Each structure stands twice: as structure tokens, then as C-alpha cells.
């Protein structure tokens, strides 16, 4: 059994954060995907009678020999880390568990969630594995991308959400704008969709001019996802404004980041975007796409160092 285990519900955003922090603290950290049973998929992270059987046999085995450190992300994992803490594990929960943070040794939550407490570590955005080593490996794994003409503009595409009412026609105009800019610069334009990107938007990627250099990735029908390689090779990155995870990873690269349609974002997402803008890490998309000096945003390294220090202090009490 690994000394450190990342727990999550299998959702990409939750898994990426839990595993990134766990492996920043312990390169040999394990990974446990939870399969909650009713009624716990609705009740988590509340600890009510019968919770020991919430996640089936795989978690039950883990609970018999609890890890020294359990790191969870998401509501289901918050219950699992509570259960493991009761069995002797130190427990770290990523994202606001929506109940008192005192049930965990540490809680890591985005600043825009406004969660505060003596054991709460705030972050600017989400945790992820993107750092210099990760980017260097991505460049090696996708070395062919380096042959695309420079400047290489990379567009990361999310989807409309309740916090950003992005429109199909506006997205179509964005693609035309970036294609024209890349052509005028004798550069290249690559576009990569996410799991959430609407099919109508994906279809537009295939309609970009065939003679304009670049990669258009809609989904698996276009082969292996080049996302990591594009982050590693980009001269500049343009993001849709809908995903904290996507924006956090773009901001961890060495490229200037431009955000499309920031003005229509609202709620906690807007608070996050404004924090990135005030820090100077991203700029609003304009017609110039002028390069600017950047300092990569590397919250995983900062947070893991603080987690290690705080847990060591708790262990010596």
C-alpha cells in the first residue's frame, strides 16, 4: 500500500488535482477511484451511520490498511478522506467540502470560493502537474509540433456554461479572427477542444482553412490528444473563459495567455479571471496579440510545500 493515496470520483478535473498534489508530495503515490453507492453519492461528505460501506470493496480494502496520507478532491472524496482520517490517516481535502473544514487536517480551496479557516490553504486557480519538467516531456513527446511555423498560436476551447453565455456565432468569429492573424504573421494556428466542447463548435474546427498550418483536434477521431504538446510548444495561448482548470494550466506555461470574452463571465469565475488579470498573468484578447513577459503560475509547487510543512508540524505536536 502506498504511503500516500489520491482519491477522487473519476471526473477528470477532480482526478487531475488530487493526483497532481499527491505526486508532488510523494512520487510513488497511489490512485483510488471511488464508486459511491446510494445514498452516499448524494449525502457525501456527511458522516452518517453506514458510511463505511459507501464506496464498495476497493475502498474497504484501503480502509483496512489506511495510508499515512489521504488526498481527496471533490465531494465524494471528502467523505472518503474523513473515513480514512478516523482510521489514522492524515487527510487533505481539495475544493470546498461545503461543511466545516475542521473535519480534515487541511483543506485546499480556490481563493474565489472565499473559504477561510486556520487549516485552509487558498489557491489562485486549480492544482495540476504542469511545470518545467512536465512541459519539457510534452515537447519531447510531441516533437513534431516544433516544425509548425512561428509564431504558433494555440486556442484552448471549453464550452458555454451558466457563468459564461458564449455564443456559436461569436466563436465562429473568433476562429476567423485568429486564422486571419496567423496568416498575416506567416505563423500557425492550432485549436484543441475539451470534453465539454459542443459538437457544433467542434465542427467549426474542421472548417478552418486547410492551407493554414496547425493542428485541429476535435476528439479521438483526430488521433491522440495533442493538448500537452501544444502547451509545451505554444508561442501564445488563447483561452475561452469558462474553465478554471484550463486557465490554470495555461497560466503555468511559459507563453503569454489571452482570454476571449472575459467581460461576459460572472460569479466566482469572474473573480478568478480578474485575479489573473490583476496579477498580469493573462490579458484580454485583442487584435494585436502582442507578446508580454510572463511569470508562470505554479500553485501546485507552492501548495505542496505548505502542505508538507503543516503536516510535519501537526505530526510533531
C-alpha atoms as a PDB file:
ATOM      1  CA  UNK A   1       0.000   0.000   0.000  1.00  0.00           C
ATOM      2  CA  UNK A   2       1.362   3.434  -0.934  1.00  0.00           C
ATOM      3  CA  UNK A   3       2.104   5.842   1.896  1.00  0.00           C
ATOM      4  CA  UNK A   4       0.130   8.499   0.007  1.00  0.00           C
ATOM      5  CA  UNK A   5      -3.100   7.898  -1.917  1.00  0.00           C
ATOM      6  CA  UNK A   6      -5.090  10.262  -4.139  1.00  0.00           C
ATOM      7  CA  UNK A   7      -8.867   9.717  -4.004  1.00  0.00           C
ATOM      8  CA  UNK A   8     -11.417  11.033  -6.490  1.00  0.00           C
ATOM      9  CA  UNK A   9     -14.640  10.160  -8.291  1.00  0.00           C
ATOM     10  CA  UNK A  10     -13.026   9.666 -11.698  1.00  0.00           C
ATOM     11  CA  UNK A  11     -14.032  13.051 -13.060  1.00  0.00           C
ATOM     12  CA  UNK A  12     -11.084  14.468 -14.952  1.00  0.00           C
ATOM     13  CA  UNK A  13     -10.872  17.760 -13.048  1.00  0.00           C
ATOM     14  CA  UNK A  14     -11.026  16.099  -9.636  1.00  0.00           C
ATOM     15  CA  UNK A  15      -8.624  13.303 -10.557  1.00  0.00           C
ATOM     16  CA  UNK A  16      -6.066  15.692 -12.024  1.00  0.00           C
ATOM     17  CA  UNK A  17      -5.949  17.857  -8.915  1.00  0.00           C
ATOM     18  CA  UNK A  18      -5.788  15.013  -6.392  1.00  0.00           C
ATOM     19  CA  UNK A  19      -3.126  13.092  -8.302  1.00  0.00           C
ATOM     20  CA  UNK A  20      -1.059  16.220  -9.010  1.00  0.00           C
ATOM     21  CA  UNK A  21      -0.826  17.155  -5.334  1.00  0.00           C
ATOM     22  CA  UNK A  22      -0.278  13.570  -4.170  1.00  0.00           C
ATOM     23  CA  UNK A  23       2.608  13.036  -6.588  1.00  0.00           C
ATOM     24  CA  UNK A  24       4.139  16.412  -5.812  1.00  0.00           C
ATOM     25  CA  UNK A  25       4.366  15.171  -2.223  1.00  0.00           C
ATOM     26  CA  UNK A  26       5.201  11.536  -2.988  1.00  0.00           C
ATOM     27  CA  UNK A  27       6.341  10.374  -6.434  1.00  0.00           C
ATOM     28  CA  UNK A  28       5.072   6.864  -5.627  1.00  0.00           C
ATOM     29  CA  UNK A  29       1.598   7.979  -4.540  1.00  0.00           C
ATOM     30  CA  UNK A  30      -1.280   5.639  -5.301  1.00  0.00           C
ATOM     31  CA  UNK A  31      -4.555   6.483  -7.031  1.00  0.00           C
ATOM     32  CA  UNK A  32      -8.022   5.314  -5.952  1.00  0.00           C
ATOM     33  CA  UNK A  33     -11.178   5.928  -7.976  1.00  0.00           C
ATOM     34  CA  UNK A  34     -14.300   5.906  -5.809  1.00  0.00           C
ATOM     35  CA  UNK A  35     -17.576   4.275  -6.830  1.00  0.00           C
ATOM     36  CA  UNK A  36     -20.175   5.677  -4.399  1.00  0.00           C
ATOM     37  CA  UNK A  37     -23.330   3.754  -3.638  1.00  0.00           C
ATOM     38  CA  UNK A  38     -26.717   5.257  -2.965  1.00  0.00           C
ATOM     39  CA  UNK A  39     -27.454   7.176  -0.824  1.00  0.00           C
ATOM     40  CA  UNK A  40     -23.834   8.303  -0.331  1.00  0.00           C
ATOM     41  CA  UNK A  41     -23.458   9.748  -3.800  1.00  0.00           C
ATOM     42  CA  UNK A  42     -25.955  12.354  -2.605  1.00  0.00           C
ATOM     43  CA  UNK A  43     -25.103  12.558   1.110  1.00  0.00           C
ATOM     44  CA  UNK A  44     -21.291  12.858   0.927  1.00  0.00           C
ATOM     45  CA  UNK A  45     -19.339  14.243   2.710  1.00  0.00           C
ATOM     46  CA  UNK A  46     -21.731  13.896   5.658  1.00  0.00           C
ATOM     47  CA  UNK A  47     -20.686  11.135   8.015  1.00  0.00           C
ATOM     48  CA  UNK A  48     -23.867   9.224   8.869  1.00  0.00           C
ATOM     49  CA  UNK A  49     -24.431   5.613  10.029  1.00  0.00           C
ATOM     50  CA  UNK A  50     -23.431   3.125   7.337  1.00  0.00           C
ATOM     51  CA  UNK A  51     -20.865   5.390   5.683  1.00  0.00           C
ATOM     52  CA  UNK A  52     -18.184   2.694   5.984  1.00  0.00           C
ATOM     53  CA  UNK A  53     -19.887   0.878   3.121  1.00  0.00           C
ATOM     54  CA  UNK A  54     -20.260   3.912   0.890  1.00  0.00           C
ATOM     55  CA  UNK A  55     -17.634   3.006  -1.721  1.00  0.00           C
ATOM     56  CA  UNK A  56     -17.553  -0.754  -2.135  1.00  0.00           C
ATOM     57  CA  UNK A  57     -14.767  -3.322  -1.850  1.00  0.00           C
ATOM     58  CA  UNK A  58     -11.841  -1.360  -3.311  1.00  0.00           C
ATOM     59  CA  UNK A  59     -12.160   1.378  -0.721  1.00  0.00           C
ATOM     60  CA  UNK A  60     -12.909  -1.129   2.031  1.00  0.00           C
ATOM     61  CA  UNK A  61      -9.542  -2.762   1.344  1.00  0.00           C
ATOM     62  CA  UNK A  62      -7.857   0.645   1.534  1.00  0.00           C
ATOM     63  CA  UNK A  63      -9.592   1.368   4.842  1.00  0.00           C
ATOM     64  CA  UNK A  64      -8.229  -1.843   6.387  1.00  0.00           C
ATOM     65  CA  UNK A  65      -4.673  -0.628   5.785  1.00  0.00           C
ATOM     66  CA  UNK A  66      -5.083   3.167   5.662  1.00  0.00           C
ATOM     67  CA  UNK A  67      -2.343   5.240   4.010  1.00  0.00           C
ATOM     68  CA  UNK A  68      -0.278   7.687   6.004  1.00  0.00           C
ATOM     69  CA  UNK A  69      -1.692  10.485   3.859  1.00  0.00           C
ATOM     70  CA  UNK A  70      -5.037  10.586   2.022  1.00  0.00           C
ATOM     71  CA  UNK A  71      -5.601  13.386  -0.505  1.00  0.00           C
ATOM     72  CA  UNK A  72      -9.081  13.816  -1.937  1.00  0.00           C
ATOM     73  CA  UNK A  73     -10.717  16.110  -4.447  1.00  0.00           C
ATOM     74  CA  UNK A  74     -14.455  16.516  -4.834  1.00  0.00           C
ATOM     75  CA  UNK A  75     -17.454  15.832  -2.626  1.00  0.00           C
ATOM     76  CA  UNK A  76     -17.267  12.017  -2.777  1.00  0.00           C
ATOM     77  CA  UNK A  77     -13.579  12.042  -1.899  1.00  0.00           C
ATOM     78  CA  UNK A  78     -14.292  14.366   1.021  1.00  0.00           C
ATOM     79  CA  UNK A  79     -16.262  11.572   2.679  1.00  0.00           C
ATOM     80  CA  UNK A  80     -13.557   9.018   1.883  1.00  0.00           C
ATOM     81  CA  UNK A  81     -10.797  11.169   3.388  1.00  0.00           C
ATOM     82  CA  UNK A  82     -12.935  11.725   6.509  1.00  0.00           C
ATOM     83  CA  UNK A  83     -13.319   7.977   6.913  1.00  0.00           C
ATOM     84  CA  UNK A  84      -9.592   7.377   6.468  1.00  0.00           C
ATOM     85  CA  UNK A  85      -8.728  10.136   8.912  1.00  0.00           C
ATOM     86  CA  UNK A  86     -10.840   8.361  11.545  1.00  0.00           C
ATOM     87  CA  UNK A  87      -8.595   5.322  10.944  1.00  0.00           C
ATOM     88  CA  UNK A  88      -5.360   7.236  11.442  1.00  0.00           C
ATOM     89  CA  UNK A  89      -4.544   8.802   8.058  1.00  0.00           C
ATOM     90  CA  UNK A  90      -3.684  12.448   7.728  1.00  0.00           C
ATOM     91  CA  UNK A  91      -6.360  13.863   5.440  1.00  0.00           C
ATOM     92  CA  UNK A  92      -6.117  16.691   2.911  1.00  0.00           C
ATOM     93  CA  UNK A  93      -9.215  17.775   1.009  1.00  0.00           C
ATOM     94  CA  UNK A  94      -9.084  19.783  -2.236  1.00  0.00           C
ATOM     95  CA  UNK A  95     -12.059  22.063  -3.018  1.00  0.00           C
ATOM     96  CA  UNK A  96     -14.592  23.433  -0.561  1.00  0.00           C
ATOM     97  CA  UNK A  97     -16.280  20.405   1.093  1.00  0.00           C
ATOM     98  CA  UNK A  98     -19.330  22.565   1.954  1.00  0.00           C
ATOM     99  CA  UNK A  99     -19.111  21.594   5.616  1.00  0.00           C
ATOM    100  CA  UNK A 100     -16.791  22.693   8.426  1.00  0.00           C
ATOM    101  CA  UNK A 101     -13.109  22.342   7.348  1.00  0.00           C
ATOM    102  CA  UNK A 102     -12.224  21.039  10.840  1.00  0.00           C
ATOM    103  CA  UNK A 103     -13.109  17.515   9.663  1.00  0.00           C
ATOM    104  CA  UNK A 104      -9.818  17.414   7.717  1.00  0.00           C
ATOM    105  CA  UNK A 105      -6.231  18.168   8.630  1.00  0.00           C
ATOM    106  CA  UNK A 106      -6.026  20.617   5.744  1.00  0.00           C
ATOM    107  CA  UNK A 107      -8.449  21.944   3.132  1.00  0.00           C
ATOM    108  CA  UNK A 108      -7.189  23.475  -0.115  1.00  0.00           C
ATOM    109  CA  UNK A 109      -9.697  25.749  -1.808  1.00  0.00           C
ATOM    110  CA  UNK A 110      -9.586  28.337  -4.602  1.00  0.00           C
ATOM    111  CA  UNK A 111      -9.487  31.947  -3.415  1.00  0.00           C
ATOM    112  CA  UNK A 112     -12.643  32.672  -5.408  1.00  0.00           C
ATOM    113  CA  UNK A 113     -14.577  30.221  -3.185  1.00  0.00           C
ATOM    114  CA  UNK A 114     -13.909  32.552  -0.217  1.00  0.00           C
ATOM    115  CA  UNK A 115     -13.462  29.648   2.231  1.00  0.00           C
ATOM    116  CA  UNK A 116     -11.408  30.687   5.241  1.00  0.00           C
ATOM    117  CA  UNK A 117     -10.070  28.887   8.326  1.00  0.00           C
ATOM    118  CA  UNK A 118      -6.914  28.088  10.271  1.00  0.00           C
ATOM    119  CA  UNK A 119      -6.439  24.865   8.318  1.00  0.00           C
ATOM    120  CA  UNK A 120      -7.459  26.267   4.898  1.00  0.00           C
ATOM    121  CA  UNK A 121      -4.850  26.920   2.198  1.00  0.00           C
ATOM    122  CA  UNK A 122      -6.198  29.210  -0.547  1.00  0.00           C
ATOM    123  CA  UNK A 123      -5.047  28.833  -4.147  1.00  0.00           C
ATOM    124  CA  UNK A 124      -5.222  31.004  -7.229  1.00  0.00           C
ATOM    125  CA  UNK A 125      -6.970  28.542  -9.502  1.00  0.00           C
ATOM    126  CA  UNK A 126      -6.632  24.769  -9.543  1.00  0.00           C
ATOM    127  CA  UNK A 127      -3.821  22.286  -8.949  1.00  0.00           C
ATOM    128  CA  UNK A 128      -2.266  20.357 -11.848  1.00  0.00           C
ATOM    129  CA  UNK A 129       1.017  18.735 -12.935  1.00  0.00           C
ATOM    130  CA  UNK A 130       2.188  21.461 -15.360  1.00  0.00           C
ATOM    131  CA  UNK A 131       5.715  22.603 -14.526  1.00  0.00           C
ATOM    132  CA  UNK A 132       9.052  22.863 -16.371  1.00  0.00           C
ATOM    133  CA  UNK A 133       9.682  19.098 -16.331  1.00  0.00           C
ATOM    134  CA  UNK A 134       6.138  18.337 -17.482  1.00  0.00           C
ATOM    135  CA  UNK A 135       6.426  20.859 -20.334  1.00  0.00           C
ATOM    136  CA  UNK A 136       9.841  19.522 -21.373  1.00  0.00           C
ATOM    137  CA  UNK A 137       8.442  15.983 -21.522  1.00  0.00           C
ATOM    138  CA  UNK A 138       5.455  17.232 -23.537  1.00  0.00           C
ATOM    139  CA  UNK A 139       7.808  18.865 -26.040  1.00  0.00           C
ATOM    140  CA  UNK A 140       9.714  15.576 -26.415  1.00  0.00           C
ATOM    141  CA  UNK A 141       6.539  13.512 -26.741  1.00  0.00           C
ATOM    142  CA  UNK A 142       5.145  15.847 -29.418  1.00  0.00           C
ATOM    143  CA  UNK A 143       8.391  16.935 -31.080  1.00  0.00           C
ATOM    144  CA  UNK A 144       6.712  17.234 -34.491  1.00  0.00           C
ATOM    145  CA  UNK A 145       4.744  20.270 -33.279  1.00  0.00           C
ATOM    146  CA  UNK A 146       8.015  22.251 -33.193  1.00  0.00           C
ATOM    147  CA  UNK A 147       8.055  22.190 -37.019  1.00  0.00           C
ATOM    148  CA  UNK A 148       4.944  24.405 -37.249  1.00  0.00           C
ATOM    149  CA  UNK A 149       5.668  27.993 -38.334  1.00  0.00           C
ATOM    150  CA  UNK A 150       6.213  30.568 -35.598  1.00  0.00           C
ATOM    151  CA  UNK A 151       4.517  32.423 -34.046  1.00  0.00           C
ATOM    152  CA  UNK A 152       2.375  29.436 -33.106  1.00  0.00           C
ATOM    153  CA  UNK A 153      -0.972  30.457 -31.603  1.00  0.00           C
ATOM    154  CA  UNK A 154      -2.823  27.780 -29.619  1.00  0.00           C
ATOM    155  CA  UNK A 155      -6.543  28.122 -28.866  1.00  0.00           C
ATOM    156  CA  UNK A 156      -7.882  26.078 -25.918  1.00  0.00           C
ATOM    157  CA  UNK A 157     -11.632  25.600 -26.294  1.00  0.00           C
ATOM    158  CA  UNK A 158     -14.084  24.930 -23.485  1.00  0.00           C
ATOM    159  CA  UNK A 159     -17.830  25.421 -23.657  1.00  0.00           C
ATOM    160  CA  UNK A 160     -20.686  27.767 -22.730  1.00  0.00           C
ATOM    161  CA  UNK A 161     -21.747  27.487 -19.087  1.00  0.00           C
ATOM    162  CA  UNK A 162     -24.022  29.207 -16.602  1.00  0.00           C
ATOM    163  CA  UNK A 163     -21.154  31.572 -15.782  1.00  0.00           C
ATOM    164  CA  UNK A 164     -20.298  32.425 -19.421  1.00  0.00           C
ATOM    165  CA  UNK A 165     -23.031  32.594 -22.048  1.00  0.00           C
ATOM    166  CA  UNK A 166     -20.729  32.049 -25.042  1.00  0.00           C
ATOM    167  CA  UNK A 167     -22.449  32.041 -28.430  1.00  0.00           C
ATOM    168  CA  UNK A 168     -21.872  29.927 -31.539  1.00  0.00           C
ATOM    169  CA  UNK A 169     -21.671  32.940 -33.879  1.00  0.00           C
ATOM    170  CA  UNK A 170     -19.159  34.664 -31.621  1.00  0.00           C
ATOM    171  CA  UNK A 171     -17.000  31.532 -31.522  1.00  0.00           C
ATOM    172  CA  UNK A 172     -17.107  31.327 -35.306  1.00  0.00           C
ATOM    173  CA  UNK A 173     -15.914  34.954 -35.457  1.00  0.00           C
ATOM    174  CA  UNK A 174     -13.110  34.163 -33.002  1.00  0.00           C
ATOM    175  CA  UNK A 175     -11.811  31.399 -35.266  1.00  0.00           C
ATOM    176  CA  UNK A 176     -11.866  33.734 -38.272  1.00  0.00           C
ATOM    177  CA  UNK A 177     -10.015  36.416 -36.280  1.00  0.00           C
ATOM    178  CA  UNK A 178      -7.269  34.063 -35.120  1.00  0.00           C
ATOM    179  CA  UNK A 179      -6.906  32.446 -38.554  1.00  0.00           C
ATOM    180  CA  UNK A 180      -6.502  35.842 -40.203  1.00  0.00           C
ATOM    181  CA  UNK A 181      -3.961  36.883 -37.575  1.00  0.00           C
ATOM    182  CA  UNK A 182      -1.909  33.698 -38.024  1.00  0.00           C
ATOM    183  CA  UNK A 183      -1.940  34.108 -41.804  1.00  0.00           C
ATOM    184  CA  UNK A 184      -0.838  37.755 -41.574  1.00  0.00           C
ATOM    185  CA  UNK A 185       2.042  36.719 -39.274  1.00  0.00           C
ATOM    186  CA  UNK A 186       3.025  33.790 -41.532  1.00  0.00           C
ATOM    187  CA  UNK A 187       2.560  31.693 -38.411  1.00  0.00           C
ATOM    188  CA  UNK A 188       0.368  28.776 -37.418  1.00  0.00           C
ATOM    189  CA  UNK A 189      -2.894  28.217 -35.533  1.00  0.00           C
ATOM    190  CA  UNK A 190      -3.722  25.106 -33.538  1.00  0.00           C
ATOM    191  CA  UNK A 191      -7.053  24.507 -31.806  1.00  0.00           C
ATOM    192  CA  UNK A 192      -7.873  21.805 -29.261  1.00  0.00           C
ATOM    193  CA  UNK A 193     -11.358  21.058 -27.935  1.00  0.00           C
ATOM    194  CA  UNK A 194     -12.217  19.750 -24.478  1.00  0.00           C
ATOM    195  CA  UNK A 195     -14.639  17.064 -23.346  1.00  0.00           C
ATOM    196  CA  UNK A 196     -17.264  19.777 -22.800  1.00  0.00           C
ATOM    197  CA  UNK A 197     -16.999  21.473 -26.191  1.00  0.00           C
ATOM    198  CA  UNK A 198     -20.342  21.370 -28.095  1.00  0.00           C
ATOM    199  CA  UNK A 199     -20.411  19.345 -31.300  1.00  0.00           C
ATOM    200  CA  UNK A 200     -21.413  22.440 -33.320  1.00  0.00           C
ATOM    201  CA  UNK A 201     -18.220  24.131 -32.140  1.00  0.00           C
ATOM    202  CA  UNK A 202     -16.122  21.053 -32.921  1.00  0.00           C
ATOM    203  CA  UNK A 203     -17.439  21.033 -36.475  1.00  0.00           C
ATOM    204  CA  UNK A 204     -16.093  24.553 -36.987  1.00  0.00           C
ATOM    205  CA  UNK A 205     -12.546  23.384 -36.265  1.00  0.00           C
ATOM    206  CA  UNK A 206     -12.605  21.153 -39.332  1.00  0.00           C
ATOM    207  CA  UNK A 207     -13.678  24.148 -41.425  1.00  0.00           C
ATOM    208  CA  UNK A 208     -10.547  26.200 -40.734  1.00  0.00           C
ATOM    209  CA  UNK A 209      -8.530  26.785 -43.936  1.00  0.00           C
ATOM    210  CA  UNK A 210      -6.667  23.615 -44.885  1.00  0.00           C
ATOM    211  CA  UNK A 211      -3.660  25.619 -46.093  1.00  0.00           C
ATOM    212  CA  UNK A 212      -3.222  27.342 -42.695  1.00  0.00           C
ATOM    213  CA  UNK A 213      -0.566  25.397 -40.750  1.00  0.00           C
ATOM    214  CA  UNK A 214      -1.620  23.973 -37.393  1.00  0.00           C
ATOM    215  CA  UNK A 215      -3.403  21.159 -35.594  1.00  0.00           C
ATOM    216  CA  UNK A 216      -7.190  20.947 -35.257  1.00  0.00           C
ATOM    217  CA  UNK A 217      -8.192  18.412 -32.618  1.00  0.00           C
ATOM    218  CA  UNK A 218     -11.890  17.792 -32.019  1.00  0.00           C
ATOM    219  CA  UNK A 219     -11.807  14.417 -30.231  1.00  0.00           C
ATOM    220  CA  UNK A 220     -10.382  10.922 -30.650  1.00  0.00           C
ATOM    221  CA  UNK A 221     -11.334  10.818 -34.329  1.00  0.00           C
ATOM    222  CA  UNK A 222      -8.379  13.185 -34.859  1.00  0.00           C
ATOM    223  CA  UNK A 223      -5.922  10.860 -33.138  1.00  0.00           C
ATOM    224  CA  UNK A 224      -4.122  11.270 -29.826  1.00  0.00           C
ATOM    225  CA  UNK A 225      -4.946  14.412 -27.872  1.00  0.00           C
ATOM    226  CA  UNK A 226      -2.083  16.897 -28.511  1.00  0.00           C
ATOM    227  CA  UNK A 227      -3.054  19.154 -25.567  1.00  0.00           C
ATOM    228  CA  UNK A 228       0.167  18.637 -23.598  1.00  0.00           C
ATOM    229  CA  UNK A 229       2.359  19.146 -26.654  1.00  0.00           C
ATOM    230  CA  UNK A 230       0.506  22.302 -27.634  1.00  0.00           C
ATOM    231  CA  UNK A 231       1.010  23.767 -24.152  1.00  0.00           C
ATOM    232  CA  UNK A 232       4.697  22.959 -24.406  1.00  0.00           C
ATOM    233  CA  UNK A 233       5.241  24.412 -27.883  1.00  0.00           C
ATOM    234  CA  UNK A 234       2.867  27.409 -27.895  1.00  0.00           C
ATOM    235  CA  UNK A 235       4.255  30.880 -28.556  1.00  0.00           C
ATOM    236  CA  UNK A 236       0.984  32.319 -27.259  1.00  0.00           C
ATOM    237  CA  UNK A 237      -2.190  30.786 -25.884  1.00  0.00           C
ATOM    238  CA  UNK A 238      -5.781  31.955 -26.283  1.00  0.00           C
ATOM    239  CA  UNK A 239      -8.395  30.500 -23.905  1.00  0.00           C
ATOM    240  CA  UNK A 240     -12.141  30.578 -23.767  1.00  0.00           C
ATOM    241  CA  UNK A 241     -13.079  31.997 -20.331  1.00  0.00           C
ATOM    242  CA  UNK A 242     -15.117  29.113 -18.924  1.00  0.00           C
ATOM    243  CA  UNK A 243     -12.715  26.696 -17.197  1.00  0.00           C
ATOM    244  CA  UNK A 244     -10.643  27.355 -14.076  1.00  0.00           C
ATOM    245  CA  UNK A 245      -8.667  24.158 -14.708  1.00  0.00           C
ATOM    246  CA  UNK A 246      -7.853  25.021 -18.319  1.00  0.00           C
ATOM    247  CA  UNK A 247      -6.901  28.605 -17.483  1.00  0.00           C
ATOM    248  CA  UNK A 248      -4.752  27.470 -14.541  1.00  0.00           C
ATOM    249  CA  UNK A 249      -2.792  25.071 -16.738  1.00  0.00           C
ATOM    250  CA  UNK A 250      -2.347  27.651 -19.497  1.00  0.00           C
ATOM    251  CA  UNK A 251      -1.083  30.127 -16.903  1.00  0.00           C
ATOM    252  CA  UNK A 252       1.528  27.585 -15.746  1.00  0.00           C
ATOM    253  CA  UNK A 253       3.246  27.582 -19.166  1.00  0.00           C
ATOM    254  CA  UNK A 254       5.924  29.944 -20.438  1.00  0.00           C
ATOM    255  CA  UNK A 255       3.592  31.535 -23.016  1.00  0.00           C
ATOM    256  CA  UNK A 256       1.558  34.743 -22.796  1.00  0.00           C
ATOM    257  CA  UNK A 257      -2.122  33.914 -22.279  1.00  0.00           C
ATOM    258  CA  UNK A 258      -5.013  35.853 -23.793  1.00  0.00           C
ATOM    259  CA  UNK A 259      -8.608  35.293 -22.671  1.00  0.00           C
ATOM    260  CA  UNK A 260     -11.544  35.670 -25.043  1.00  0.00           C
ATOM    261  CA  UNK A 261     -14.763  37.380 -23.901  1.00  0.00           C
ATOM    262  CA  UNK A 262     -13.767  37.973 -20.273  1.00  0.00           C
ATOM    263  CA  UNK A 263     -16.460  40.650 -19.991  1.00  0.00           C
ATOM    264  CA  UNK A 264     -19.364  38.193 -20.090  1.00  0.00           C
ATOM    265  CA  UNK A 265     -18.034  35.961 -17.298  1.00  0.00           C
ATOM    266  CA  UNK A 266     -19.779  36.246 -13.937  1.00  0.00           C
ATOM    267  CA  UNK A 267     -19.796  34.808 -10.436  1.00  0.00           C
ATOM    268  CA  UNK A 268     -16.781  33.120  -8.885  1.00  0.00           C
ATOM    269  CA  UNK A 269     -15.308  32.516 -12.339  1.00  0.00           C
ATOM    270  CA  UNK A 270     -15.153  36.254 -12.929  1.00  0.00           C
ATOM    271  CA  UNK A 271     -13.405  36.741  -9.576  1.00  0.00           C
ATOM    272  CA  UNK A 272     -10.760  34.224 -10.661  1.00  0.00           C
ATOM    273  CA  UNK A 273     -10.310  35.823 -14.080  1.00  0.00           C
ATOM    274  CA  UNK A 274      -9.952  39.273 -12.541  1.00  0.00           C
ATOM    275  CA  UNK A 275      -7.289  37.947 -10.160  1.00  0.00           C
ATOM    276  CA  UNK A 276      -5.288  36.564 -13.098  1.00  0.00           C
ATOM    277  CA  UNK A 277      -5.620  39.862 -14.954  1.00  0.00           C
ATOM    278  CA  UNK A 278      -4.585  41.934 -11.938  1.00  0.00           C
ATOM    279  CA  UNK A 279      -1.550  39.710 -11.471  1.00  0.00           C
ATOM    280  CA  UNK A 280      -0.603  40.362 -15.096  1.00  0.00           C
ATOM    281  CA  UNK A 281      -0.571  36.668 -15.985  1.00  0.00           C
ATOM    282  CA  UNK A 282      -3.335  36.945 -18.604  1.00  0.00           C
ATOM    283  CA  UNK A 283      -4.642  39.725 -20.817  1.00  0.00           C
ATOM    284  CA  UNK A 284      -7.909  40.259 -22.617  1.00  0.00           C
ATOM    285  CA  UNK A 285      -7.839  39.102 -26.222  1.00  0.00           C
ATOM    286  CA  UNK A 286      -7.300  41.954 -28.683  1.00  0.00           C
ATOM    287  CA  UNK A 287      -6.327  42.265 -32.337  1.00  0.00           C
ATOM    288  CA  UNK A 288      -2.637  42.763 -31.593  1.00  0.00           C
ATOM    289  CA  UNK A 289      -1.846  39.600 -29.627  1.00  0.00           C
ATOM    290  CA  UNK A 290       1.360  41.389 -28.654  1.00  0.00           C
ATOM    291  CA  UNK A 291       3.769  39.233 -26.616  1.00  0.00           C
ATOM    292  CA  UNK A 292       4.425  40.177 -22.974  1.00  0.00           C
ATOM    293  CA  UNK A 293       6.712  38.979 -20.217  1.00  0.00           C
ATOM    294  CA  UNK A 294       5.200  36.249 -18.062  1.00  0.00           C
ATOM    295  CA  UNK A 295       5.877  34.555 -14.759  1.00  0.00           C
ATOM    296  CA  UNK A 296       4.380  31.051 -14.826  1.00  0.00           C
ATOM    297  CA  UNK A 297       1.711  30.437 -12.196  1.00  0.00           C
ATOM    298  CA  UNK A 298       2.819  27.297 -10.332  1.00  0.00           C
ATOM    299  CA  UNK A 299       0.411  26.801  -7.444  1.00  0.00           C
ATOM    300  CA  UNK A 300       0.990  23.052  -7.098  1.00  0.00           C
ATOM    301  CA  UNK A 301       4.623  23.551  -6.055  1.00  0.00           C
ATOM    302  CA  UNK A 302       3.735  26.286  -3.583  1.00  0.00           C
ATOM    303  CA  UNK A 303       0.808  24.395  -2.076  1.00  0.00           C
ATOM    304  CA  UNK A 304       2.660  21.077  -1.790  1.00  0.00           C
ATOM    305  CA  UNK A 305       5.478  22.787   0.115  1.00  0.00           C
ATOM    306  CA  UNK A 306       2.997  24.351   2.523  1.00  0.00           C
ATOM    307  CA  UNK A 307       1.095  21.084   2.954  1.00  0.00           C
ATOM    308  CA  UNK A 308       4.320  19.227   3.758  1.00  0.00           C
ATOM    309  CA  UNK A 309       5.349  21.834   6.322  1.00  0.00           C
ATOM    310  CA  UNK A 310       1.967  21.986   8.036  1.00  0.00           C
ATOM    311  CA  UNK A 311       1.546  18.222   8.225  1.00  0.00           C
ATOM    312  CA  UNK A 312       5.031  17.824   9.663  1.00  0.00           C
ATOM    313  CA  UNK A 313       4.188  20.413  12.301  1.00  0.00           C
ATOM    314  CA  UNK A 314       0.954  18.589  13.152  1.00  0.00           C
ATOM    315  CA  UNK A 315       2.814  15.284  13.351  1.00  0.00           C
ATOM    316  CA  UNK A 316       5.291  16.673  15.862  1.00  0.00           C
ATOM    317  CA  UNK A 317       2.638  18.090  18.187  1.00  0.00           C
END
